[in-house]
Amino acid sequence: MISLIPLSDIDSVHIERLLDKAFGEDRLSRTSYRVREDMEQLERLCFGAIDDEAETLVGTIQCWPTMLSEEDANGGKTGRRHPMIMVGPVAVSPDRQGAGIGKMLISAMLAEVEDNEQLPLIMIGDPEYYGRFFDFKAELTGGWKLPGPCEPSRLLMRLPSQRQVPQYGTVGPYKPASSIN
């Protein structure tokens, strides 16, 4: 049996070990880490999956405050910023993949988000998987830039109904208006 607990209740050594196992030790150089650089995770949206029998961490999900700095079609900054939530990493121990743990983690996060947030969710991931099961799509992110390489089809968004997003912009860490010069 798998139990979900707040990620903040898990020793960070175990989390880092699982992330290295799932994504490799070079994971810190990936674009997704640059998008959320220096941000504190949104603790209420972060969970760990514990195998109750083995008492081991077998999966995690983290979420981060990010924003889209809007631009015009020529790359000129408009000055408008759009807060978003970046989902990921979603990590499952390689020996437990395919057992529904990732779906369980994402479903728990979405249940919490849907009750409390109306912000777009973004992630870098497999469009077939995240689109089919969780309605993340790349259709509206094609004009967005990231602080590093990313295949455009892998920059995905789940947009709450009644929300709109700009066609062009750069995704990066969330910065409140008072901290931007």
N, C-alpha and C. Protein backbone atom coordinates (compact mmCIF):
# COMPACT_ATOMS: atom_id res chain seq x y z
N MET A 1 0.84 -1.18 0.00
CA MET A 1 0.00 0.00 0.00
C MET A 1 0.89 1.25 0.00
N ILE A 2 0.43 2.27 -0.69
CA ILE A 2 1.15 3.54 -0.79
C ILE A 2 0.38 4.60 -0.03
N SER A 3 1.09 5.36 0.79
CA SER A 3 0.51 6.49 1.50
C SER A 3 1.15 7.77 1.01
N LEU A 4 0.36 8.82 0.89
CA LEU A 4 0.89 10.14 0.54
C LEU A 4 0.98 10.97 1.80
N ILE A 5 2.13 11.62 1.96
CA ILE A 5 2.33 12.51 3.10
C ILE A 5 2.94 13.81 2.59
N PRO A 6 2.83 14.89 3.38
CA PRO A 6 3.48 16.13 2.96
C PRO A 6 4.98 15.91 2.75
N LEU A 7 5.49 16.45 1.67
CA LEU A 7 6.91 16.29 1.37
C LEU A 7 7.78 16.91 2.46
N SER A 8 7.26 17.93 3.11
CA SER A 8 8.02 18.59 4.18
C SER A 8 8.25 17.67 5.38
N ASP A 9 7.53 16.56 5.46
CA ASP A 9 7.72 15.59 6.55
C ASP A 9 8.81 14.56 6.24
N ILE A 10 9.43 14.68 5.08
CA ILE A 10 10.43 13.70 4.65
C ILE A 10 11.81 14.35 4.65
N ASP A 11 12.78 13.64 5.16
CA ASP A 11 14.17 14.12 5.19
C ASP A 11 14.63 14.41 3.77
N SER A 12 15.21 15.57 3.56
CA SER A 12 15.64 15.99 2.22
C SER A 12 16.68 15.05 1.62
N VAL A 13 17.44 14.35 2.42
CA VAL A 13 18.42 13.39 1.91
C VAL A 13 17.71 12.30 1.11
N HIS A 14 16.58 11.82 1.62
CA HIS A 14 15.82 10.78 0.92
C HIS A 14 15.21 11.31 -0.38
N ILE A 15 14.76 12.55 -0.35
CA ILE A 15 14.18 13.17 -1.55
C ILE A 15 15.24 13.31 -2.63
N GLU A 16 16.39 13.86 -2.26
CA GLU A 16 17.47 14.05 -3.24
C GLU A 16 17.95 12.72 -3.81
N ARG A 17 18.03 11.70 -2.98
CA ARG A 17 18.46 10.37 -3.43
C ARG A 17 17.46 9.82 -4.46
N LEU A 18 16.16 9.98 -4.19
CA LEU A 18 15.14 9.51 -5.13
C LEU A 18 15.21 10.29 -6.45
N LEU A 19 15.37 11.62 -6.37
CA LEU A 19 15.46 12.43 -7.58
C LEU A 19 16.68 12.04 -8.43
N ASP A 20 17.80 11.77 -7.78
CA ASP A 20 18.98 11.32 -8.51
C ASP A 20 18.72 9.98 -9.20
N LYS A 21 18.05 9.08 -8.48
CA LYS A 21 17.74 7.76 -9.04
C LYS A 21 16.79 7.88 -10.24
N ALA A 22 15.81 8.76 -10.13
CA ALA A 22 14.79 8.90 -11.18
C ALA A 22 15.30 9.68 -12.39
N PHE A 23 16.13 10.70 -12.17
CA PHE A 23 16.51 11.60 -13.26
C PHE A 23 18.00 11.68 -13.54
N GLY A 24 18.81 11.08 -12.71
CA GLY A 24 20.26 11.14 -12.89
C GLY A 24 20.86 12.28 -12.09
N GLU A 25 22.13 12.13 -11.80
CA GLU A 25 22.81 13.13 -10.97
C GLU A 25 23.05 14.45 -11.69
N ASP A 26 22.86 14.48 -13.00
CA ASP A 26 23.04 15.73 -13.76
C ASP A 26 21.75 16.55 -13.82
N ARG A 27 20.72 16.13 -13.12
CA ARG A 27 19.40 16.77 -13.19
C ARG A 27 19.43 18.26 -12.83
N LEU A 28 20.36 18.68 -11.98
CA LEU A 28 20.39 20.08 -11.54
C LEU A 28 20.74 21.04 -12.67
N SER A 29 21.26 20.54 -13.78
CA SER A 29 21.61 21.41 -14.91
C SER A 29 20.45 21.59 -15.88
N ARG A 30 19.34 20.93 -15.63
CA ARG A 30 18.20 21.00 -16.54
C ARG A 30 17.49 22.35 -16.48
N THR A 31 16.83 22.68 -17.58
CA THR A 31 16.11 23.94 -17.70
C THR A 31 15.06 24.11 -16.61
N SER A 32 14.37 23.06 -16.26
CA SER A 32 13.32 23.17 -15.24
C SER A 32 13.86 23.69 -13.92
N TYR A 33 15.10 23.35 -13.59
CA TYR A 33 15.69 23.86 -12.35
C TYR A 33 15.97 25.36 -12.46
N ARG A 34 16.31 25.82 -13.64
CA ARG A 34 16.56 27.25 -13.84
C ARG A 34 15.27 28.06 -13.78
N VAL A 35 14.16 27.47 -14.21
CA VAL A 35 12.87 28.16 -14.17
C VAL A 35 12.48 28.48 -12.74
N ARG A 36 12.78 27.60 -11.83
CA ARG A 36 12.35 27.79 -10.43
C ARG A 36 13.50 28.18 -9.49
N GLU A 37 14.59 28.65 -10.08
CA GLU A 37 15.78 29.00 -9.33
C GLU A 37 15.48 29.95 -8.16
N ASP A 38 16.02 29.61 -6.99
CA ASP A 38 15.90 30.41 -5.77
C ASP A 38 14.48 30.52 -5.23
N MET A 39 13.57 29.70 -5.70
CA MET A 39 12.19 29.73 -5.22
C MET A 39 12.02 28.68 -4.12
N GLU A 40 11.13 28.96 -3.21
CA GLU A 40 10.72 27.99 -2.19
C GLU A 40 9.55 27.21 -2.77
N GLN A 41 9.54 25.91 -2.60
CA GLN A 41 8.43 25.11 -3.12
C GLN A 41 7.13 25.47 -2.41
N LEU A 42 6.04 25.24 -3.07
CA LEU A 42 4.70 25.47 -2.52
C LEU A 42 4.34 24.23 -1.70
N GLU A 43 4.67 24.25 -0.42
CA GLU A 43 4.63 23.05 0.42
C GLU A 43 3.30 22.32 0.39
N ARG A 44 2.21 23.04 0.35
CA ARG A 44 0.91 22.36 0.41
C ARG A 44 0.59 21.58 -0.86
N LEU A 45 1.38 21.78 -1.92
CA LEU A 45 1.19 21.06 -3.18
C LEU A 45 2.26 19.99 -3.41
N CYS A 46 3.09 19.76 -2.41
CA CYS A 46 4.21 18.83 -2.55
C CYS A 46 3.97 17.61 -1.66
N PHE A 47 4.09 16.43 -2.27
CA PHE A 47 3.79 15.19 -1.56
C PHE A 47 4.88 14.16 -1.79
N GLY A 48 4.98 13.26 -0.84
CA GLY A 48 5.84 12.09 -0.98
C GLY A 48 4.98 10.85 -0.94
N ALA A 49 5.34 9.86 -1.74
CA ALA A 49 4.65 8.57 -1.74
C ALA A 49 5.52 7.58 -0.98
N ILE A 50 4.94 7.01 0.06
CA ILE A 50 5.65 6.08 0.92
C ILE A 50 5.09 4.68 0.74
N ASP A 51 5.97 3.72 0.50
CA ASP A 51 5.58 2.32 0.49
C ASP A 51 5.45 1.92 1.95
N ASP A 52 4.22 1.67 2.39
CA ASP A 52 3.96 1.40 3.81
C ASP A 52 4.67 0.15 4.30
N GLU A 53 4.72 -0.87 3.47
CA GLU A 53 5.33 -2.13 3.89
C GLU A 53 6.84 -1.99 4.05
N ALA A 54 7.50 -1.38 3.06
CA ALA A 54 8.95 -1.23 3.10
C ALA A 54 9.39 0.03 3.85
N GLU A 55 8.43 0.91 4.14
CA GLU A 55 8.71 2.19 4.80
C GLU A 55 9.78 2.97 4.05
N THR A 56 9.60 3.06 2.72
CA THR A 56 10.56 3.79 1.89
C THR A 56 9.84 4.79 1.00
N LEU A 57 10.56 5.83 0.65
CA LEU A 57 10.06 6.84 -0.27
C LEU A 57 10.15 6.28 -1.69
N VAL A 58 9.02 6.24 -2.40
CA VAL A 58 9.01 5.70 -3.76
C VAL A 58 8.57 6.73 -4.80
N GLY A 59 8.15 7.92 -4.36
CA GLY A 59 7.75 8.95 -5.31
C GLY A 59 7.62 10.31 -4.64
N THR A 60 7.77 11.35 -5.45
CA THR A 60 7.59 12.72 -4.96
C THR A 60 6.98 13.58 -6.06
N ILE A 61 6.32 14.64 -5.62
CA ILE A 61 5.89 15.70 -6.53
C ILE A 61 6.17 17.02 -5.83
N GLN A 62 6.71 17.96 -6.59
CA GLN A 62 6.99 19.29 -6.07
C GLN A 62 6.34 20.32 -7.00
N CYS A 63 5.96 21.45 -6.43
CA CYS A 63 5.38 22.56 -7.20
C CYS A 63 6.03 23.86 -6.76
N TRP A 64 6.15 24.79 -7.69
CA TRP A 64 6.94 26.00 -7.48
C TRP A 64 6.22 27.24 -8.02
N PRO A 65 6.39 28.38 -7.38
CA PRO A 65 5.84 29.62 -7.94
C PRO A 65 6.71 30.09 -9.11
N THR A 66 6.08 30.30 -10.24
CA THR A 66 6.78 30.81 -11.42
C THR A 66 5.92 31.90 -12.04
N MET A 67 6.42 32.49 -13.10
CA MET A 67 5.62 33.51 -13.79
C MET A 67 6.04 33.59 -15.24
N LEU A 68 5.14 34.12 -16.03
CA LEU A 68 5.41 34.41 -17.43
C LEU A 68 5.54 35.92 -17.56
N SER A 69 6.69 36.37 -17.99
CA SER A 69 6.90 37.79 -18.29
C SER A 69 6.45 38.00 -19.72
N GLU A 70 5.36 38.70 -19.89
CA GLU A 70 4.75 38.85 -21.21
C GLU A 70 5.62 39.67 -22.14
N GLU A 71 5.60 39.26 -23.41
CA GLU A 71 6.33 39.97 -24.47
C GLU A 71 5.42 40.13 -25.67
N ASP A 72 5.78 41.06 -26.54
CA ASP A 72 5.04 41.17 -27.80
C ASP A 72 5.65 40.19 -28.81
N ALA A 73 5.11 40.14 -30.01
CA ALA A 73 5.56 39.17 -31.01
C ALA A 73 7.02 39.36 -31.41
N ASN A 74 7.57 40.56 -31.17
CA ASN A 74 8.97 40.84 -31.52
C ASN A 74 9.93 40.62 -30.35
N GLY A 75 9.41 40.14 -29.22
CA GLY A 75 10.26 39.90 -28.06
C GLY A 75 10.38 41.08 -27.12
N GLY A 76 9.66 42.17 -27.40
CA GLY A 76 9.70 43.34 -26.51
C GLY A 76 8.87 43.10 -25.26
N LYS A 77 9.41 43.49 -24.13
CA LYS A 77 8.71 43.29 -22.86
C LYS A 77 7.53 44.24 -22.74
N THR A 78 6.40 43.71 -22.29
CA THR A 78 5.21 44.55 -22.08
C THR A 78 5.12 45.05 -20.65
N GLY A 79 5.86 44.43 -19.74
CA GLY A 79 5.79 44.80 -18.33
C GLY A 79 4.75 44.01 -17.55
N ARG A 80 3.92 43.25 -18.23
CA ARG A 80 2.90 42.45 -17.53
C ARG A 80 3.48 41.10 -17.15
N ARG A 81 3.14 40.68 -15.93
CA ARG A 81 3.60 39.40 -15.43
C ARG A 81 2.38 38.55 -15.07
N HIS A 82 2.50 37.27 -15.31
CA HIS A 82 1.39 36.34 -15.09
C HIS A 82 1.87 35.21 -14.18
N PRO A 83 1.41 35.18 -12.93
CA PRO A 83 1.83 34.11 -12.02
C PRO A 83 1.33 32.75 -12.49
N MET A 84 2.14 31.75 -12.24
CA MET A 84 1.82 30.37 -12.61
C MET A 84 2.42 29.45 -11.56
N ILE A 85 2.04 28.20 -11.64
CA ILE A 85 2.62 27.17 -10.77
C ILE A 85 3.32 26.16 -11.66
N MET A 86 4.60 25.93 -11.38
CA MET A 86 5.34 24.91 -12.12
C MET A 86 5.26 23.59 -11.37
N VAL A 87 4.81 22.57 -12.06
CA VAL A 87 4.70 21.23 -11.51
C VAL A 87 5.96 20.46 -11.89
N GLY A 88 6.59 19.88 -10.90
CA GLY A 88 7.75 19.04 -11.16
C GLY A 88 8.94 19.45 -10.33
N PRO A 89 9.78 18.50 -10.10
CA PRO A 89 9.76 17.19 -10.69
C PRO A 89 8.69 16.27 -10.09
N VAL A 90 8.16 15.42 -10.95
CA VAL A 90 7.33 14.30 -10.52
C VAL A 90 8.25 13.09 -10.67
N ALA A 91 8.65 12.52 -9.56
CA ALA A 91 9.64 11.45 -9.58
C ALA A 91 9.07 10.18 -8.98
N VAL A 92 9.32 9.07 -9.64
CA VAL A 92 8.95 7.75 -9.13
C VAL A 92 10.20 6.88 -9.24
N SER A 93 10.47 6.16 -8.19
CA SER A 93 11.61 5.25 -8.20
C SER A 93 11.54 4.36 -9.43
N PRO A 94 12.64 4.22 -10.17
CA PRO A 94 12.62 3.44 -11.40
C PRO A 94 12.05 2.03 -11.23
N ASP A 95 12.28 1.41 -10.10
CA ASP A 95 11.77 0.05 -9.88
C ASP A 95 10.28 0.02 -9.54
N ARG A 96 9.65 1.19 -9.44
CA ARG A 96 8.22 1.26 -9.12
C ARG A 96 7.41 1.96 -10.21
N GLN A 97 8.06 2.34 -11.30
CA GLN A 97 7.35 3.03 -12.37
C GLN A 97 6.34 2.09 -13.01
N GLY A 98 5.23 2.65 -13.45
CA GLY A 98 4.17 1.87 -14.06
C GLY A 98 3.16 1.32 -13.06
N ALA A 99 3.35 1.65 -11.78
CA ALA A 99 2.46 1.13 -10.73
C ALA A 99 1.39 2.14 -10.32
N GLY A 100 1.31 3.28 -11.01
CA GLY A 100 0.29 4.27 -10.70
C GLY A 100 0.67 5.29 -9.65
N ILE A 101 1.91 5.26 -9.20
CA ILE A 101 2.35 6.18 -8.15
C ILE A 101 2.38 7.62 -8.66
N GLY A 102 2.88 7.83 -9.87
CA GLY A 102 2.90 9.18 -10.45
C GLY A 102 1.50 9.74 -10.59
N LYS A 103 0.57 8.92 -11.08
CA LYS A 103 -0.82 9.37 -11.20
C LYS A 103 -1.41 9.74 -9.85
N MET A 104 -1.08 8.95 -8.85
CA MET A 104 -1.56 9.20 -7.50
C MET A 104 -1.05 10.56 -6.98
N LEU A 105 0.22 10.83 -7.21
CA LEU A 105 0.83 12.09 -6.77
C LEU A 105 0.21 13.29 -7.49
N ILE A 106 0.08 13.19 -8.80
CA ILE A 106 -0.47 14.30 -9.57
C ILE A 106 -1.94 14.52 -9.21
N SER A 107 -2.68 13.45 -9.03
CA SER A 107 -4.10 13.58 -8.66
C SER A 107 -4.25 14.27 -7.31
N ALA A 108 -3.39 13.94 -6.36
CA ALA A 108 -3.45 14.60 -5.05
C ALA A 108 -3.14 16.08 -5.17
N MET A 109 -2.12 16.41 -5.97
CA MET A 109 -1.76 17.82 -6.17
C MET A 109 -2.90 18.56 -6.86
N LEU A 110 -3.47 17.96 -7.90
CA LEU A 110 -4.57 18.61 -8.62
C LEU A 110 -5.79 18.82 -7.73
N ALA A 111 -6.08 17.88 -6.86
CA ALA A 111 -7.21 18.03 -5.95
C ALA A 111 -6.99 19.24 -5.04
N GLU A 112 -5.78 19.42 -4.59
CA GLU A 112 -5.46 20.57 -3.73
C GLU A 112 -5.50 21.87 -4.53
N VAL A 113 -4.96 21.86 -5.74
CA VAL A 113 -4.95 23.05 -6.59
C VAL A 113 -6.37 23.46 -6.96
N GLU A 114 -7.16 22.52 -7.39
CA GLU A 114 -8.51 22.83 -7.85
C GLU A 114 -9.36 23.43 -6.75
N ASP A 115 -9.07 23.09 -5.52
CA ASP A 115 -9.83 23.65 -4.41
C ASP A 115 -9.38 25.07 -4.06
N ASN A 116 -8.14 25.42 -4.39
CA ASN A 116 -7.58 26.67 -3.86
C ASN A 116 -6.99 27.63 -4.89
N GLU A 117 -6.73 27.21 -6.08
CA GLU A 117 -6.01 28.05 -7.04
C GLU A 117 -6.76 28.18 -8.35
N GLN A 118 -6.52 29.27 -9.01
CA GLN A 118 -7.02 29.44 -10.37
C GLN A 118 -5.87 29.86 -11.27
N LEU A 119 -4.66 29.42 -10.94
CA LEU A 119 -3.49 29.76 -11.73
C LEU A 119 -3.20 28.67 -12.76
N PRO A 120 -2.65 29.05 -13.89
CA PRO A 120 -2.21 28.03 -14.84
C PRO A 120 -1.12 27.16 -14.21
N LEU A 121 -1.12 25.89 -14.55
CA LEU A 121 -0.08 24.96 -14.15
C LEU A 121 0.78 24.68 -15.37
N ILE A 122 2.09 24.75 -15.20
CA ILE A 122 3.00 24.45 -16.31
C ILE A 122 3.95 23.35 -15.88
N MET A 123 4.50 22.67 -16.86
CA MET A 123 5.50 21.64 -16.59
C MET A 123 6.26 21.34 -17.87
N ILE A 124 7.42 20.76 -17.69
CA ILE A 124 8.17 20.21 -18.82
C ILE A 124 8.03 18.70 -18.70
N GLY A 125 7.40 18.09 -19.69
CA GLY A 125 7.15 16.66 -19.57
C GLY A 125 6.66 16.02 -20.86
N ASP A 126 6.29 14.78 -20.75
CA ASP A 126 5.83 13.97 -21.87
C ASP A 126 4.41 14.39 -22.24
N PRO A 127 4.22 15.01 -23.41
CA PRO A 127 2.89 15.50 -23.76
C PRO A 127 1.84 14.39 -23.89
N GLU A 128 2.23 13.23 -24.35
CA GLU A 128 1.26 12.14 -24.50
C GLU A 128 0.73 11.71 -23.13
N TYR A 129 1.62 11.49 -22.20
CA TYR A 129 1.21 11.03 -20.87
C TYR A 129 0.41 12.11 -20.13
N TYR A 130 1.00 13.29 -19.98
CA TYR A 130 0.36 14.34 -19.17
C TYR A 130 -0.88 14.92 -19.86
N GLY A 131 -0.92 14.86 -21.17
CA GLY A 131 -2.12 15.30 -21.88
C GLY A 131 -3.26 14.31 -21.73
N ARG A 132 -2.95 13.05 -21.92
CA ARG A 132 -3.99 12.01 -21.87
C ARG A 132 -4.61 11.90 -20.49
N PHE A 133 -3.80 11.94 -19.46
CA PHE A 133 -4.33 11.70 -18.12
C PHE A 133 -4.71 12.96 -17.36
N PHE A 134 -4.06 14.10 -17.67
CA PHE A 134 -4.25 15.27 -16.81
C PHE A 134 -4.52 16.57 -17.56
N ASP A 135 -4.74 16.50 -18.86
CA ASP A 135 -5.13 17.66 -19.67
C ASP A 135 -4.05 18.75 -19.74
N PHE A 136 -2.78 18.37 -19.65
CA PHE A 136 -1.68 19.32 -19.90
C PHE A 136 -1.43 19.32 -21.40
N LYS A 137 -1.32 20.52 -21.99
CA LYS A 137 -1.15 20.64 -23.43
C LYS A 137 -0.08 21.68 -23.77
N ALA A 138 0.46 21.55 -24.97
CA ALA A 138 1.48 22.48 -25.44
C ALA A 138 0.92 23.53 -26.40
N GLU A 139 -0.35 23.48 -26.74
CA GLU A 139 -0.90 24.35 -27.77
C GLU A 139 -0.72 25.85 -27.49
N LEU A 140 -0.78 26.26 -26.26
CA LEU A 140 -0.72 27.70 -25.95
C LEU A 140 0.66 28.17 -25.51
N THR A 141 1.66 27.28 -25.49
CA THR A 141 2.98 27.66 -24.99
C THR A 141 4.03 27.81 -26.08
N GLY A 142 3.65 27.67 -27.32
CA GLY A 142 4.60 27.69 -28.43
C GLY A 142 5.39 28.99 -28.59
N GLY A 143 4.85 30.10 -28.14
CA GLY A 143 5.54 31.38 -28.23
C GLY A 143 6.27 31.76 -26.95
N TRP A 144 6.42 30.82 -26.05
CA TRP A 144 7.09 31.08 -24.77
C TRP A 144 8.54 30.64 -24.82
N LYS A 145 9.38 31.35 -24.09
CA LYS A 145 10.80 31.02 -23.97
C LYS A 145 11.09 30.57 -22.54
N LEU A 146 12.13 29.79 -22.41
CA LEU A 146 12.61 29.32 -21.12
C LEU A 146 14.07 29.71 -20.96
N PRO A 147 14.59 29.70 -19.74
CA PRO A 147 16.01 30.06 -19.52
C PRO A 147 16.95 28.89 -19.81
N GLY A 148 16.68 28.18 -20.87
CA GLY A 148 17.51 27.04 -21.27
C GLY A 148 16.78 26.25 -22.33
N PRO A 149 17.40 25.20 -22.82
CA PRO A 149 16.80 24.42 -23.91
C PRO A 149 15.59 23.61 -23.45
N CYS A 150 14.62 23.50 -24.35
CA CYS A 150 13.43 22.69 -24.11
C CYS A 150 12.74 22.49 -25.45
N GLU A 151 12.37 21.25 -25.74
CA GLU A 151 11.58 20.99 -26.94
C GLU A 151 10.22 21.66 -26.75
N PRO A 152 9.77 22.47 -27.69
CA PRO A 152 8.50 23.19 -27.53
C PRO A 152 7.32 22.27 -27.21
N SER A 153 7.31 21.07 -27.74
CA SER A 153 6.19 20.16 -27.48
C SER A 153 6.16 19.65 -26.04
N ARG A 154 7.25 19.85 -25.29
CA ARG A 154 7.33 19.37 -23.91
C ARG A 154 7.00 20.45 -22.88
N LEU A 155 6.85 21.71 -23.29
CA LEU A 155 6.42 22.76 -22.37
C LEU A 155 4.90 22.73 -22.35
N LEU A 156 4.37 22.21 -21.28
CA LEU A 156 2.94 21.92 -21.18
C LEU A 156 2.25 22.84 -20.19
N MET A 157 0.96 23.05 -20.40
CA MET A 157 0.18 23.88 -19.49
C MET A 157 -1.20 23.27 -19.31
N ARG A 158 -1.69 23.42 -18.10
CA ARG A 158 -3.09 23.09 -17.77
C ARG A 158 -3.72 24.40 -17.34
N LEU A 159 -4.65 24.85 -18.12
CA LEU A 159 -5.22 26.18 -17.94
C LEU A 159 -6.62 26.07 -17.34
N PRO A 160 -6.84 26.71 -16.19
CA PRO A 160 -8.20 26.71 -15.64
C PRO A 160 -9.16 27.39 -16.61
N SER A 161 -10.40 26.93 -16.64
CA SER A 161 -11.38 27.60 -17.51
C SER A 161 -11.51 29.05 -17.07
N GLN A 162 -11.85 29.88 -17.98
CA GLN A 162 -12.00 31.33 -17.75
C GLN A 162 -10.67 32.06 -17.66
N ARG A 163 -9.54 31.37 -17.75
CA ARG A 163 -8.24 32.03 -17.72
C ARG A 163 -7.70 32.14 -19.14
N GLN A 164 -6.96 33.20 -19.37
CA GLN A 164 -6.26 33.36 -20.64
C GLN A 164 -4.81 33.64 -20.34
N VAL A 165 -3.95 33.29 -21.27
CA VAL A 165 -2.53 33.55 -21.12
C VAL A 165 -2.01 34.23 -22.37
N PRO A 166 -0.95 35.01 -22.23
CA PRO A 166 -0.37 35.66 -23.40
C PRO A 166 0.25 34.64 -24.37
N GLN A 167 0.31 35.03 -25.61
CA GLN A 167 0.88 34.17 -26.64
C GLN A 167 2.41 34.14 -26.56
N TYR A 168 3.03 35.24 -26.09
CA TYR A 168 4.48 35.34 -26.07
C TYR A 168 4.96 35.74 -24.67
N GLY A 169 6.14 35.23 -24.31
CA GLY A 169 6.72 35.60 -23.03
C GLY A 169 7.86 34.67 -22.65
N THR A 170 8.44 34.97 -21.48
CA THR A 170 9.52 34.17 -20.93
C THR A 170 9.11 33.67 -19.57
N VAL A 171 9.26 32.37 -19.36
CA VAL A 171 8.92 31.73 -18.09
C VAL A 171 10.14 31.75 -17.20
N GLY A 172 9.92 32.11 -15.93
CA GLY A 172 11.02 32.12 -14.96
C GLY A 172 10.49 32.12 -13.55
N PRO A 173 11.39 32.28 -12.58
CA PRO A 173 10.98 32.30 -11.18
C PRO A 173 10.00 33.44 -10.92
N TYR A 174 9.09 33.22 -9.99
CA TYR A 174 8.12 34.26 -9.61
C TYR A 174 8.83 35.36 -8.85
N LYS A 175 8.58 36.59 -9.26
CA LYS A 175 9.12 37.75 -8.56
C LYS A 175 7.99 38.73 -8.32
N PRO A 176 7.72 39.07 -7.07
CA PRO A 176 6.66 40.05 -6.82
C PRO A 176 7.00 41.39 -7.44
N ALA A 177 5.97 42.17 -7.72
CA ALA A 177 6.16 43.47 -8.39
C ALA A 177 7.16 44.33 -7.64
N SER A 178 7.19 44.28 -6.33
CA SER A 178 8.08 45.13 -5.55
C SER A 178 9.54 44.78 -5.71
N SER A 179 9.85 43.55 -6.22
CA SER A 179 11.25 43.15 -6.36
C SER A 179 11.79 43.35 -7.77
N ILE A 180 10.96 43.82 -8.69
CA ILE A 180 11.38 43.99 -10.07
C ILE A 180 11.74 45.46 -10.32
N ASN A 181 12.91 45.66 -10.87
CA ASN A 181 13.35 47.05 -11.15
C ASN A 181 13.08 47.40 -12.57
